[in-house]
Amino acid sequence: MSNQGALVSGLTPAISSIAKPIYLKEHALHAVKEAIITHQLKPNELYSESSLAQKLGVSRTPVREALISLASQGFVNTVRGRGFRVNVWDKKKVLEIYRFRKILELATVKFASPRMTADVIAKLKEIHAEELEATEKRDARAHQLADRAIHLTLAAQADNGYLLSSMAGMRDLVEWVGFELIRQMPDLQQKYSNEHLELIAALEQGDHELAESVMSRHIDRGRVSVITALSEAGARKG
């Protein structure tokens, strides 16, 4: 089977046919991004626009528009007259995204900590319980989505729309680069969950410095884990 034909079979429902959506571009964008994050669409493989449109059950126009958006976000590169390739992560890109992430996350804690309320703490604890359930089930994507919800709930409390928007875009990339890692290492999911619990406790206590320290350690763990995994994968290939 050709690389372009590989798209047509073997994919999970995340990239199944779209059932008459009102906003086809947004639905196509979500479906393709989810397929990239969860590695249904493999890095460096060539896929055809028409095959993807057929799989989603839409015309090529919303797919083309979705791919333009994904290219601007760093997910894909278009190949004129042939289709598109999913981009490949390397050490430089990982370091760049994690440096950016640390700036955003520490700013989030700084601005959100003084604005914490009992209701927000309760919401964070509820999401954390969902994260623990996903960890127990070894559901990597459900764990990531709960992880995302914790961080974006905190970002929303910072009351800065630019920060929240930047956090959401950054999270897409972090989830993409980290998906296979946490899928293969359930113990890492547990470590992330434990750090979230520490973070929530620090926020509840009003200990802003401790919250920043926990967040910093949390981001550093993610960076080191991903870099190590990339280095080991490169060694195996070499």
Protein backbone atom coordinates (compact mmCIF):
# COMPACT_ATOMS: atom_id res chain seq x y z
CA MET A 1 0.00 0.00 0.00
CA SER A 2 1.31 3.47 -0.86
CA ASN A 3 1.91 6.11 1.78
CA GLN A 4 -1.01 8.11 0.41
CA GLY A 5 -3.28 5.10 0.52
CA ALA A 6 -2.27 4.35 4.10
CA LEU A 7 -4.61 7.08 5.29
CA VAL A 8 -7.71 5.28 4.11
CA SER A 9 -7.51 2.30 6.46
CA GLY A 10 -6.55 1.48 10.01
CA LEU A 11 -7.56 4.73 11.70
CA THR A 12 -9.63 5.02 14.85
CA PRO A 13 -12.99 6.86 15.06
CA ALA A 14 -11.17 10.13 15.89
CA ILE A 15 -10.81 10.64 12.17
CA SER A 16 -14.03 9.00 10.99
CA SER A 17 -16.64 10.64 8.77
CA ILE A 18 -17.97 14.03 9.91
CA ALA A 19 -21.74 13.93 10.23
CA LYS A 20 -23.03 17.06 8.49
CA PRO A 21 -21.33 19.70 10.67
CA ILE A 22 -22.24 23.35 10.39
CA TYR A 23 -18.63 24.47 10.35
CA LEU A 24 -16.78 21.95 8.23
CA LYS A 25 -13.38 23.61 8.51
CA GLU A 26 -13.45 23.60 12.32
CA HIS A 27 -14.56 19.98 12.44
CA ALA A 28 -11.94 18.94 9.89
CA LEU A 29 -9.30 20.88 11.81
CA HIS A 30 -10.18 19.16 15.07
CA ALA A 31 -10.30 15.70 13.50
CA VAL A 32 -6.97 16.00 11.69
CA LYS A 33 -5.22 17.61 14.67
CA GLU A 34 -6.47 14.83 16.94
CA ALA A 35 -5.22 12.20 14.48
CA ILE A 36 -1.78 13.86 14.45
CA ILE A 37 -1.58 14.21 18.24
CA THR A 38 -2.50 10.54 18.76
CA HIS A 39 -0.15 9.41 15.97
CA GLN A 40 -2.86 7.99 13.73
CA LEU A 41 -1.19 10.19 11.11
CA LYS A 42 2.50 9.34 11.37
CA PRO A 43 5.38 11.83 11.33
CA ASN A 44 7.18 12.24 8.00
CA GLU A 45 4.65 10.15 6.04
CA LEU A 46 2.99 11.56 2.94
CA TYR A 47 -0.82 11.74 2.91
CA SER A 48 -3.13 12.89 0.17
CA GLU A 49 -5.65 15.66 0.69
CA SER A 50 -8.31 13.78 -1.29
CA SER A 51 -7.93 10.56 0.72
CA LEU A 52 -8.25 12.52 3.94
CA ALA A 53 -11.36 14.33 2.66
CA GLN A 54 -12.89 11.01 1.66
CA LYS A 55 -12.21 9.53 5.09
CA LEU A 56 -13.82 12.53 6.80
CA GLY A 57 -16.76 12.53 4.40
CA VAL A 58 -16.28 16.13 3.30
CA SER A 59 -15.07 17.97 0.22
CA ARG A 60 -11.41 18.91 -0.22
CA THR A 61 -12.04 22.60 0.58
CA PRO A 62 -12.48 22.32 4.38
CA VAL A 63 -9.62 19.83 4.51
CA ARG A 64 -7.36 22.21 2.58
CA GLU A 65 -8.31 25.06 4.92
CA ALA A 66 -7.65 22.86 7.96
CA LEU A 67 -4.24 21.89 6.62
CA ILE A 68 -3.33 25.55 6.06
CA SER A 69 -4.14 26.23 9.71
CA LEU A 70 -2.20 23.17 10.87
CA ALA A 71 0.80 24.20 8.78
CA SER A 72 0.80 27.63 10.46
CA GLN A 73 0.74 25.90 13.86
CA GLY A 74 3.71 23.65 13.00
CA PHE A 75 1.89 20.33 12.61
CA VAL A 76 2.32 19.71 8.88
CA ASN A 77 4.12 20.79 5.73
CA THR A 78 2.30 20.82 2.42
CA VAL A 79 3.95 19.15 -0.56
CA ARG A 80 2.87 20.87 -3.77
CA GLY A 81 0.85 18.56 -5.99
CA ARG A 82 1.32 15.56 -3.71
CA GLY A 83 -0.36 16.19 -0.36
CA PHE A 84 1.13 16.89 3.04
CA ARG A 85 3.58 15.46 5.55
CA VAL A 86 3.24 15.44 9.31
CA ASN A 87 6.23 17.22 10.82
CA VAL A 88 8.90 15.48 12.88
CA TRP A 89 10.05 16.53 16.35
CA ASP A 90 13.73 16.96 17.10
CA LYS A 91 15.66 18.04 20.20
CA LYS A 92 15.81 21.71 19.17
CA LYS A 93 12.05 21.93 18.66
CA VAL A 94 11.36 20.16 21.97
CA LEU A 95 13.63 22.55 23.87
CA GLU A 96 11.97 25.53 22.21
CA ILE A 97 8.41 24.45 23.05
CA TYR A 98 9.31 23.56 26.65
CA ARG A 99 11.11 26.87 27.19
CA PHE A 100 8.03 28.64 25.88
CA ARG A 101 5.82 26.45 28.02
CA LYS A 102 7.75 27.26 31.18
CA ILE A 103 7.39 30.99 30.55
CA LEU A 104 3.63 30.65 30.07
CA GLU A 105 3.02 28.23 32.94
CA LEU A 106 4.98 30.22 35.51
CA ALA A 107 3.22 33.41 34.42
CA THR A 108 -0.07 31.57 34.80
CA VAL A 109 0.72 30.56 38.37
CA LYS A 110 1.89 34.07 39.22
CA PHE A 111 -1.31 35.72 37.97
CA ALA A 112 -3.78 32.99 38.93
CA SER A 113 -2.57 32.21 42.46
CA PRO A 114 -3.87 35.42 44.08
CA ARG A 115 -7.21 34.93 42.32
CA MET A 116 -7.87 31.39 43.54
CA THR A 117 -11.33 30.70 44.93
CA ALA A 118 -12.86 27.71 46.68
CA ASP A 119 -14.92 26.97 43.57
CA VAL A 120 -11.84 26.87 41.31
CA ILE A 121 -9.97 24.64 43.77
CA ALA A 122 -12.98 22.30 43.85
CA LYS A 123 -13.03 22.21 40.04
CA LEU A 124 -9.31 21.44 39.91
CA LYS A 125 -9.77 18.58 42.38
CA GLU A 126 -12.64 17.20 40.30
CA ILE A 127 -10.53 17.26 37.15
CA HIS A 128 -7.64 15.66 39.03
CA ALA A 129 -9.93 12.79 40.05
CA GLU A 130 -10.72 12.27 36.35
CA GLU A 131 -7.00 12.29 35.61
CA LEU A 132 -6.39 9.61 38.23
CA GLU A 133 -9.16 7.48 36.75
CA ALA A 134 -7.58 7.77 33.30
CA THR A 135 -4.21 6.85 34.79
CA GLU A 136 -5.64 3.74 36.41
CA LYS A 137 -7.18 2.73 33.09
CA ARG A 138 -3.92 3.52 31.26
CA ASP A 139 -5.86 5.74 28.89
CA ALA A 140 -3.13 8.06 27.65
CA ARG A 141 -5.38 10.45 25.71
CA ALA A 142 -7.94 10.77 28.50
CA HIS A 143 -5.06 11.49 30.87
CA GLN A 144 -3.76 14.19 28.54
CA LEU A 145 -7.16 15.82 28.24
CA ALA A 146 -7.57 15.93 32.02
CA ASP A 147 -4.02 17.27 32.31
CA ARG A 148 -4.92 19.93 29.75
CA ALA A 149 -8.08 20.85 31.65
CA ILE A 150 -6.12 21.39 34.87
CA HIS A 151 -3.64 23.73 33.22
CA LEU A 152 -6.23 25.66 31.19
CA THR A 153 -8.53 26.03 34.20
CA LEU A 154 -5.61 27.60 36.03
CA ALA A 155 -4.83 29.79 33.00
CA ALA A 156 -8.44 30.97 32.81
CA GLN A 157 -8.17 32.11 36.42
CA ALA A 158 -5.26 34.36 35.44
CA ASP A 159 -7.87 36.50 33.64
CA ASN A 160 -5.70 37.21 30.60
CA GLY A 161 -7.15 36.22 27.25
CA TYR A 162 -3.80 36.38 25.44
CA LEU A 163 -2.21 34.07 27.98
CA LEU A 164 -5.10 31.61 27.79
CA SER A 165 -4.99 31.54 23.98
CA SER A 166 -1.23 31.00 23.96
CA MET A 167 -1.57 28.23 26.53
CA ALA A 168 -4.17 26.40 24.44
CA GLY A 169 -1.98 26.46 21.33
CA MET A 170 1.08 25.39 23.30
CA ARG A 171 -0.85 22.51 24.88
CA ASP A 172 -1.68 21.06 21.45
CA LEU A 173 2.03 20.79 20.64
CA VAL A 174 3.01 19.44 24.06
CA GLU A 175 0.32 16.76 23.88
CA TRP A 176 1.49 15.78 20.41
CA VAL A 177 5.15 15.42 21.36
CA GLY A 178 4.29 13.63 24.60
CA PHE A 179 1.50 11.25 23.55
CA GLU A 180 3.56 8.17 22.67
CA LEU A 181 5.74 8.67 25.73
CA ILE A 182 2.94 8.59 28.28
CA ARG A 183 1.14 5.85 26.35
CA GLN A 184 4.18 3.64 26.76
CA MET A 185 5.02 4.78 30.31
CA PRO A 186 1.98 4.68 32.64
CA ASP A 187 4.28 5.42 35.60
CA LEU A 188 4.96 8.82 34.06
CA GLN A 189 1.22 9.52 34.03
CA GLN A 190 1.20 8.81 37.77
CA LYS A 191 4.12 11.17 38.39
CA TYR A 192 2.36 13.96 36.48
CA SER A 193 -0.81 13.33 38.49
CA ASN A 194 1.09 13.46 41.76
CA GLU A 195 2.62 16.81 40.80
CA HIS A 196 -0.81 18.16 39.90
CA LEU A 197 -2.01 17.17 43.36
CA GLU A 198 0.94 19.03 44.92
CA LEU A 199 0.16 22.06 42.79
CA ILE A 200 -3.51 22.12 43.77
CA ALA A 201 -2.57 21.77 47.47
CA ALA A 202 -0.14 24.70 47.23
CA LEU A 203 -2.77 26.85 45.51
CA GLU A 204 -5.36 25.93 48.14
CA GLN A 205 -2.93 26.92 50.89
CA GLY A 206 -2.21 30.22 49.15
CA ASP A 207 1.50 29.37 48.97
CA HIS A 208 2.39 31.12 45.71
CA GLU A 209 6.12 30.37 45.89
CA LEU A 210 5.51 26.66 46.44
CA ALA A 211 3.02 26.58 43.56
CA GLU A 212 5.61 28.14 41.23
CA SER A 213 8.25 25.66 42.42
CA VAL A 214 5.98 22.68 41.81
CA MET A 215 5.03 23.97 38.36
CA SER A 216 8.68 24.52 37.44
CA ARG A 217 9.59 20.99 38.50
CA HIS A 218 6.57 19.63 36.64
CA ILE A 219 7.58 21.29 33.35
CA ASP A 220 11.21 20.22 33.75
CA ARG A 221 10.16 16.61 34.21
CA GLY A 222 8.20 16.71 30.96
CA ARG A 223 11.11 18.26 29.06
CA VAL A 224 13.68 15.77 30.34
CA SER A 225 11.37 12.81 29.70
CA VAL A 226 10.71 13.80 26.10
CA ILE A 227 14.36 14.61 25.32
CA THR A 228 15.45 11.27 26.81
CA ALA A 229 12.88 9.41 24.76
CA LEU A 230 13.99 11.16 21.57
CA SER A 231 17.64 10.37 22.29
CA GLU A 232 16.88 6.70 22.94
CA ALA A 233 14.81 6.46 19.75
CA GLY A 234 17.65 8.02 17.78
CA ALA A 235 20.15 5.57 19.28
CA ARG A 236 17.95 2.62 18.31
CA LYS A 237 17.72 3.87 14.73
CA GLY A 238 21.47 4.49 14.60
